[in-house]
Each structure stands twice: as C-alpha cells, then as structure tokens.
Amino acid sequence: MSTYRTIAAPTTAQYRVLGSRHLGYAYPVREEDEVKGLIDALWKEHHNATHVCYAWRLGWDYGRYRINDDGEPSGTAGKPIFGQIQSAELTNILIAVVRYYGGTKLGTGGLIDAYKTTAKLCIDEASIEVLPVKDRYKLSFGYADMPAIMKVLKDMDMEKNAMITEADCMIDFNLLMTHADALLKAAEDWPTAALEHLGRT
C-alpha cells in the first residue's frame, strides 16, 4: 500500500429529522492529539447541544480508529459515523456530529440513520485526496559528506523537517516509501552516515 485516501479540507453538513438537528463536521487530522481540541471547540461553540458524537481513523495503514456515542444508546452514533468513513475508504479523518434534540425520540433505527446520513453528507461535500505514503528518517553524517548526501536526497524529492549543519550534521526528512530501497543502497556509500527509520506517515 503506497497511497492512502483522506479529505483535503474541513467540511460541514446539516440534517434535520423530527425536530432534531444534526450538524456534521469533517476534519483532516494527522494525530490523535488533534481530536480532543476539535471536539472541545465544538462543545464550546455548541454548549447547548445534547450530544457531540464522533469517529476517527488515523494512519497510512488505516490501523487506528475510535468511536464515541457520547451518551447516545450504544452503537447508534459513533458506529454509523465510522461506517461511512469505512465505506469511503478514508483515513486521517475525524467526523463529529452535533445533535440538538427536537423533542421527539428517534428510536434506535432513527438515530442510526440520522448519524449515518449526516456523516455521509459531510463526506459528499469533501474533496478526496489520494496521497503517497512517506517514510520518515533521521540521518546523521559528517560535514564532508554533505554535498553527496544532499544531492541524492534532493534527487529523491525528500521533504525536509529539520536540519543541523555543523561538524556533525543531522537531517530529519520524509521520503516516498517507494524510494526506501534506493536510499538504503545510497547510504552504503556514505562512510560517516548513520540512518535511522522513524516511522511512516
């Protein structure tokens, strides 16, 4: 798997049923820490809301996810939201649905349909991006090897995160996963270099 699907920018949607208002918000996210801040901001904006339910999925391998019913009957909110994320084959995404109760109970089926529909409307509004999977590396090397190393990395279209250029140099960078073998082969010709793989993104 060398690519993954996500949304390019936040979107919103609204769905009404039997007086209840469901406001949907979809966000591109990269780390779990971002989720809490976004949910807190929604509660601050909608402090009179009945529920803020959500689901998210993270990782190039689609491996991390969480659902939250926020007091709704189990399986009636977070799960149908997550089902829409799965159906659209998306990752690095948070979808939250703010509910204002309208006075008429929707029942289990009605709740599932309302949260599912609101999440789908958010996705329908989104621009979908297919992004390449990248490896993150830390490379330590002597100053004398810098010209040769930087030429190779630039030829591979590396994405620099941080760099130290002193007697002992260091560069933290991202590189397309498809360049991994070529990078390892090139590193064999850098006598002062130490390459460390920091994960994938």
C-alpha atoms as a PDB file:
ATOM      1  CA  MET A   1       0.000   0.000   0.000  1.00  0.00           C
ATOM      2  CA  SER A   2       1.832   3.091  -1.247  1.00  0.00           C
ATOM      3  CA  THR A   3      -1.083   5.569  -1.094  1.00  0.00           C
ATOM      4  CA  TYR A   4      -3.993   6.420   1.187  1.00  0.00           C
ATOM      5  CA  ARG A   5      -7.249   8.386   0.884  1.00  0.00           C
ATOM      6  CA  THR A   6      -8.201  11.376   3.026  1.00  0.00           C
ATOM      7  CA  ILE A   7     -10.078  14.684   2.738  1.00  0.00           C
ATOM      8  CA  ALA A   8      -8.354  17.841   1.581  1.00  0.00           C
ATOM      9  CA  ALA A   9     -10.123  20.325   3.873  1.00  0.00           C
ATOM     10  CA  PRO A  10     -12.817  20.557   6.569  1.00  0.00           C
ATOM     11  CA  THR A  11     -16.461  20.277   5.508  1.00  0.00           C
ATOM     12  CA  THR A  12     -19.824  20.751   7.203  1.00  0.00           C
ATOM     13  CA  ALA A  13     -23.333  19.403   6.660  1.00  0.00           C
ATOM     14  CA  GLN A  14     -26.747  19.552   8.304  1.00  0.00           C
ATOM     15  CA  TYR A  15     -29.559  17.020   8.618  1.00  0.00           C
ATOM     16  CA  ARG A  16     -32.948  17.516  10.284  1.00  0.00           C
ATOM     17  CA  VAL A  17     -35.432  14.839  11.303  1.00  0.00           C
ATOM     18  CA  LEU A  18     -38.500  15.055  13.610  1.00  0.00           C
ATOM     19  CA  GLY A  19     -37.322  18.365  15.021  1.00  0.00           C
ATOM     20  CA  SER A  20     -33.795  17.164  15.870  1.00  0.00           C
ATOM     21  CA  ARG A  21     -30.937  19.000  14.212  1.00  0.00           C
ATOM     22  CA  HIS A  22     -27.706  17.182  13.357  1.00  0.00           C
ATOM     23  CA  LEU A  23     -24.702  19.304  12.418  1.00  0.00           C
ATOM     24  CA  GLY A  24     -21.846  17.396  10.833  1.00  0.00           C
ATOM     25  CA  TYR A  25     -18.192  18.394  10.806  1.00  0.00           C
ATOM     26  CA  ALA A  26     -15.424  16.526   8.969  1.00  0.00           C
ATOM     27  CA  TYR A  27     -11.774  17.398   9.542  1.00  0.00           C
ATOM     28  CA  PRO A  28      -8.489  16.122   8.101  1.00  0.00           C
ATOM     29  CA  VAL A  29      -6.311  15.121  11.082  1.00  0.00           C
ATOM     30  CA  ARG A  30      -2.885  13.525  11.442  1.00  0.00           C
ATOM     31  CA  GLU A  31      -2.558  12.836  15.174  1.00  0.00           C
ATOM     32  CA  GLU A  32      -4.915  11.746  17.944  1.00  0.00           C
ATOM     33  CA  ASP A  33      -3.976  14.841  19.970  1.00  0.00           C
ATOM     34  CA  GLU A  34      -5.775  16.999  17.393  1.00  0.00           C
ATOM     35  CA  VAL A  35      -9.096  15.271  18.040  1.00  0.00           C
ATOM     36  CA  LYS A  36      -9.573  16.473  21.617  1.00  0.00           C
ATOM     37  CA  GLY A  37      -9.004  20.107  20.648  1.00  0.00           C
ATOM     38  CA  LEU A  38     -11.518  19.909  17.806  1.00  0.00           C
ATOM     39  CA  ILE A  39     -14.185  18.226  19.953  1.00  0.00           C
ATOM     40  CA  ASP A  40     -13.615  20.734  22.769  1.00  0.00           C
ATOM     41  CA  ALA A  41     -14.038  23.573  20.258  1.00  0.00           C
ATOM     42  CA  LEU A  42     -17.337  22.107  19.052  1.00  0.00           C
ATOM     43  CA  TRP A  43     -18.647  21.883  22.621  1.00  0.00           C
ATOM     44  CA  LYS A  44     -17.600  25.481  23.199  1.00  0.00           C
ATOM     45  CA  GLU A  45     -19.431  26.591  20.056  1.00  0.00           C
ATOM     46  CA  HIS A  46     -22.477  24.396  20.707  1.00  0.00           C
ATOM     47  CA  HIS A  47     -22.679  24.496  24.514  1.00  0.00           C
ATOM     48  CA  ASN A  48     -26.451  23.919  24.418  1.00  0.00           C
ATOM     49  CA  ALA A  49     -26.209  20.801  22.246  1.00  0.00           C
ATOM     50  CA  THR A  50     -27.482  17.454  23.502  1.00  0.00           C
ATOM     51  CA  HIS A  51     -24.610  15.313  22.165  1.00  0.00           C
ATOM     52  CA  VAL A  52     -21.357  15.574  20.231  1.00  0.00           C
ATOM     53  CA  CYS A  53     -20.716  12.104  18.814  1.00  0.00           C
ATOM     54  CA  TYR A  54     -17.768  11.237  16.615  1.00  0.00           C
ATOM     55  CA  ALA A  55     -15.492   8.714  14.964  1.00  0.00           C
ATOM     56  CA  TRP A  56     -11.971   8.980  13.632  1.00  0.00           C
ATOM     57  CA  ARG A  57      -9.433   6.869  11.793  1.00  0.00           C
ATOM     58  CA  LEU A  58      -5.704   7.542  11.504  1.00  0.00           C
ATOM     59  CA  GLY A  59      -2.639   6.125   9.833  1.00  0.00           C
ATOM     60  CA  TRP A  60      -1.441   5.331   6.331  1.00  0.00           C
ATOM     61  CA  ASP A  61      -2.372   1.703   7.043  1.00  0.00           C
ATOM     62  CA  TYR A  62      -5.870   2.677   8.270  1.00  0.00           C
ATOM     63  CA  GLY A  63      -4.949   0.950  11.519  1.00  0.00           C
ATOM     64  CA  ARG A  64      -6.059   3.310  14.338  1.00  0.00           C
ATOM     65  CA  TYR A  65      -9.636   4.333  14.999  1.00  0.00           C
ATOM     66  CA  ARG A  66     -12.076   5.229  17.744  1.00  0.00           C
ATOM     67  CA  ILE A  67     -15.821   5.793  18.043  1.00  0.00           C
ATOM     68  CA  ASN A  68     -17.739   7.762  20.686  1.00  0.00           C
ATOM     69  CA  ASP A  69     -21.518   7.694  21.256  1.00  0.00           C
ATOM     70  CA  ASP A  70     -21.400  10.497  23.851  1.00  0.00           C
ATOM     71  CA  GLY A  71     -24.364   9.160  25.814  1.00  0.00           C
ATOM     72  CA  GLU A  72     -26.493   8.022  22.894  1.00  0.00           C
ATOM     73  CA  PRO A  73     -27.560   4.330  23.046  1.00  0.00           C
ATOM     74  CA  SER A  74     -24.569   2.104  22.329  1.00  0.00           C
ATOM     75  CA  GLY A  75     -23.888   1.642  18.625  1.00  0.00           C
ATOM     76  CA  THR A  76     -26.333   4.290  17.427  1.00  0.00           C
ATOM     77  CA  ALA A  77     -23.947   7.211  16.800  1.00  0.00           C
ATOM     78  CA  GLY A  78     -20.197   6.600  16.638  1.00  0.00           C
ATOM     79  CA  LYS A  79     -20.547   3.290  14.823  1.00  0.00           C
ATOM     80  CA  PRO A  80     -22.697   4.572  11.917  1.00  0.00           C
ATOM     81  CA  ILE A  81     -20.387   7.580  11.582  1.00  0.00           C
ATOM     82  CA  PHE A  82     -17.398   5.252  11.402  1.00  0.00           C
ATOM     83  CA  GLY A  83     -19.243   3.070   8.912  1.00  0.00           C
ATOM     84  CA  GLN A  84     -19.306   5.977   6.474  1.00  0.00           C
ATOM     85  CA  ILE A  85     -15.560   6.550   6.945  1.00  0.00           C
ATOM     86  CA  GLN A  86     -15.030   2.873   6.143  1.00  0.00           C
ATOM     87  CA  SER A  87     -17.360   2.946   3.123  1.00  0.00           C
ATOM     88  CA  ALA A  88     -15.455   5.897   1.646  1.00  0.00           C
ATOM     89  CA  GLU A  89     -12.110   4.184   2.431  1.00  0.00           C
ATOM     90  CA  LEU A  90     -10.777   7.248   4.246  1.00  0.00           C
ATOM     91  CA  THR A  91      -8.121   7.724   6.896  1.00  0.00           C
ATOM     92  CA  ASN A  92      -6.604  10.693   8.739  1.00  0.00           C
ATOM     93  CA  ILE A  93     -10.143  11.967   9.267  1.00  0.00           C
ATOM     94  CA  LEU A  94     -12.426  12.955  12.124  1.00  0.00           C
ATOM     95  CA  ILE A  95     -16.189  13.235  11.677  1.00  0.00           C
ATOM     96  CA  ALA A  96     -18.218  14.730  14.520  1.00  0.00           C
ATOM     97  CA  VAL A  97     -21.987  15.165  14.647  1.00  0.00           C
ATOM     98  CA  VAL A  98     -23.514  17.740  16.986  1.00  0.00           C
ATOM     99  CA  ARG A  99     -27.115  16.901  17.916  1.00  0.00           C
ATOM    100  CA  TYR A 100     -29.785  19.263  19.150  1.00  0.00           C
ATOM    101  CA  TYR A 101     -32.729  17.203  20.425  1.00  0.00           C
ATOM    102  CA  GLY A 102     -36.023  18.317  18.929  1.00  0.00           C
ATOM    103  CA  GLY A 103     -38.434  16.806  21.459  1.00  0.00           C
ATOM    104  CA  THR A 104     -39.359  13.617  19.592  1.00  0.00           C
ATOM    105  CA  LYS A 105     -37.418  10.419  20.256  1.00  0.00           C
ATOM    106  CA  LEU A 106     -35.989   8.902  17.087  1.00  0.00           C
ATOM    107  CA  GLY A 107     -35.562   5.355  18.357  1.00  0.00           C
ATOM    108  CA  THR A 108     -32.568   3.150  17.669  1.00  0.00           C
ATOM    109  CA  GLY A 109     -33.124   2.928  13.917  1.00  0.00           C
ATOM    110  CA  GLY A 110     -33.821   6.627  13.609  1.00  0.00           C
ATOM    111  CA  LEU A 111     -30.658   7.567  15.484  1.00  0.00           C
ATOM    112  CA  ILE A 112     -28.501   5.254  13.378  1.00  0.00           C
ATOM    113  CA  ASP A 113     -29.961   6.703  10.190  1.00  0.00           C
ATOM    114  CA  ALA A 114     -29.531  10.315  11.356  1.00  0.00           C
ATOM    115  CA  TYR A 115     -25.855   9.928  12.309  1.00  0.00           C
ATOM    116  CA  LYS A 116     -25.096   7.840   9.220  1.00  0.00           C
ATOM    117  CA  THR A 117     -26.789  10.351   6.909  1.00  0.00           C
ATOM    118  CA  THR A 118     -25.055  13.367   8.470  1.00  0.00           C
ATOM    119  CA  ALA A 119     -21.632  11.720   8.190  1.00  0.00           C
ATOM    120  CA  LYS A 120     -22.302  10.777   4.556  1.00  0.00           C
ATOM    121  CA  LEU A 121     -23.341  14.348   3.739  1.00  0.00           C
ATOM    122  CA  CYS A 122     -20.034  15.611   5.181  1.00  0.00           C
ATOM    123  CA  ILE A 123     -18.067  13.186   3.030  1.00  0.00           C
ATOM    124  CA  ASP A 124     -20.128  14.054  -0.045  1.00  0.00           C
ATOM    125  CA  GLU A 125     -19.091  17.696   0.440  1.00  0.00           C
ATOM    126  CA  ALA A 126     -15.392  16.821   0.722  1.00  0.00           C
ATOM    127  CA  SER A 127     -12.647  16.857  -1.867  1.00  0.00           C
ATOM    128  CA  ILE A 128     -10.917  13.473  -1.633  1.00  0.00           C
ATOM    129  CA  GLU A 129      -7.126  13.321  -1.875  1.00  0.00           C
ATOM    130  CA  VAL A 130      -5.044  10.259  -2.677  1.00  0.00           C
ATOM    131  CA  LEU A 131      -1.689  10.854  -1.001  1.00  0.00           C
ATOM    132  CA  PRO A 132       1.573   8.892  -1.150  1.00  0.00           C
ATOM    133  CA  VAL A 133       2.835   7.051   1.916  1.00  0.00           C
ATOM    134  CA  LYS A 134       6.121   8.517   3.169  1.00  0.00           C
ATOM    135  CA  ASP A 135       8.882   7.193   5.407  1.00  0.00           C
ATOM    136  CA  ARG A 136      10.432   9.480   7.978  1.00  0.00           C
ATOM    137  CA  TYR A 137      14.190   9.239   8.557  1.00  0.00           C
ATOM    138  CA  LYS A 138      16.908  10.756  10.672  1.00  0.00           C
ATOM    139  CA  LEU A 139      20.320  10.829   9.018  1.00  0.00           C
ATOM    140  CA  SER A 140      23.476  11.759  10.937  1.00  0.00           C
ATOM    141  CA  PHE A 141      26.683  12.355   8.961  1.00  0.00           C
ATOM    142  CA  GLY A 142      29.979  14.210   8.804  1.00  0.00           C
ATOM    143  CA  TYR A 143      30.111  17.666   7.228  1.00  0.00           C
ATOM    144  CA  ALA A 144      32.431  16.465   4.430  1.00  0.00           C
ATOM    145  CA  ASP A 145      29.728  14.098   3.130  1.00  0.00           C
ATOM    146  CA  MET A 146      27.067  16.785   2.941  1.00  0.00           C
ATOM    147  CA  PRO A 147      27.316  17.607  -0.816  1.00  0.00           C
ATOM    148  CA  ALA A 148      26.985  13.980  -1.912  1.00  0.00           C
ATOM    149  CA  ILE A 149      24.210  13.207   0.566  1.00  0.00           C
ATOM    150  CA  MET A 150      22.142  16.298  -0.172  1.00  0.00           C
ATOM    151  CA  LYS A 151      22.370  15.698  -3.930  1.00  0.00           C
ATOM    152  CA  VAL A 152      20.960  12.188  -3.552  1.00  0.00           C
ATOM    153  CA  LEU A 153      18.184  13.310  -1.209  1.00  0.00           C
ATOM    154  CA  LYS A 154      17.176  16.200  -3.447  1.00  0.00           C
ATOM    155  CA  ASP A 155      17.103  13.876  -6.473  1.00  0.00           C
ATOM    156  CA  MET A 156      14.649  11.718  -4.488  1.00  0.00           C
ATOM    157  CA  ASP A 157      12.470  14.764  -3.738  1.00  0.00           C
ATOM    158  CA  MET A 158      12.951  14.489   0.005  1.00  0.00           C
ATOM    159  CA  GLU A 159      10.808  16.661   2.287  1.00  0.00           C
ATOM    160  CA  LYS A 160      12.989  18.288   4.953  1.00  0.00           C
ATOM    161  CA  ASN A 161      11.618  18.524   8.509  1.00  0.00           C
ATOM    162  CA  ALA A 162      14.725  19.808  10.318  1.00  0.00           C
ATOM    163  CA  MET A 163      18.471  20.101   9.713  1.00  0.00           C
ATOM    164  CA  ILE A 164      21.648  20.795  11.677  1.00  0.00           C
ATOM    165  CA  THR A 165      24.784  21.727   9.725  1.00  0.00           C
ATOM    166  CA  GLU A 166      27.857  21.644  11.966  1.00  0.00           C
ATOM    167  CA  ALA A 167      30.889  19.368  12.186  1.00  0.00           C
ATOM    168  CA  ASP A 168      28.362  16.616  12.938  1.00  0.00           C
ATOM    169  CA  CYS A 169      25.326  17.136  10.750  1.00  0.00           C
ATOM    170  CA  MET A 170      21.791  15.798  11.026  1.00  0.00           C
ATOM    171  CA  ILE A 171      18.767  15.914   8.775  1.00  0.00           C
ATOM    172  CA  ASP A 172      15.239  14.801   9.624  1.00  0.00           C
ATOM    173  CA  PHE A 173      13.265  14.195   6.430  1.00  0.00           C
ATOM    174  CA  ASN A 174      10.381  12.413   4.734  1.00  0.00           C
ATOM    175  CA  LEU A 175      10.756  10.353   1.600  1.00  0.00           C
ATOM    176  CA  LEU A 176       8.292   8.454  -0.563  1.00  0.00           C
ATOM    177  CA  MET A 177       8.026   4.868   0.639  1.00  0.00           C
ATOM    178  CA  THR A 178       8.821   3.724  -2.878  1.00  0.00           C
ATOM    179  CA  HIS A 179      12.345   5.221  -2.542  1.00  0.00           C
ATOM    180  CA  ALA A 180      13.269   3.155   0.535  1.00  0.00           C
ATOM    181  CA  ASP A 181      15.456   0.590  -1.256  1.00  0.00           C
ATOM    182  CA  ALA A 182      17.287   3.248  -3.266  1.00  0.00           C
ATOM    183  CA  LEU A 183      18.023   5.235  -0.113  1.00  0.00           C
ATOM    184  CA  LEU A 184      19.441   2.214   1.714  1.00  0.00           C
ATOM    185  CA  LYS A 185      21.664   1.402  -1.255  1.00  0.00           C
ATOM    186  CA  ALA A 186      22.918   5.001  -1.495  1.00  0.00           C
ATOM    187  CA  ALA A 187      23.667   5.078   2.246  1.00  0.00           C
ATOM    188  CA  GLU A 188      26.202   2.261   1.767  1.00  0.00           C
ATOM    189  CA  ASP A 189      28.446   4.838   0.040  1.00  0.00           C
ATOM    190  CA  TRP A 190      28.320   7.332   2.941  1.00  0.00           C
ATOM    191  CA  PRO A 191      31.058   6.225   5.381  1.00  0.00           C
ATOM    192  CA  THR A 192      30.190   8.698   8.140  1.00  0.00           C
ATOM    193  CA  ALA A 193      26.388   8.314   7.893  1.00  0.00           C
ATOM    194  CA  ALA A 194      24.003   6.672  10.335  1.00  0.00           C
ATOM    195  CA  LEU A 195      20.448   6.239   9.048  1.00  0.00           C
ATOM    196  CA  GLU A 196      17.510   5.773  11.398  1.00  0.00           C
ATOM    197  CA  HIS A 197      13.953   4.983  10.271  1.00  0.00           C
ATOM    198  CA  LEU A 198      11.441   6.949  12.387  1.00  0.00           C
ATOM    199  CA  GLY A 199       8.206   5.501  11.017  1.00  0.00           C
ATOM    200  CA  ARG A 200       5.701   6.078   8.253  1.00  0.00           C
ATOM    201  CA  THR A 201       3.232   8.828   7.616  1.00  0.00           C
END
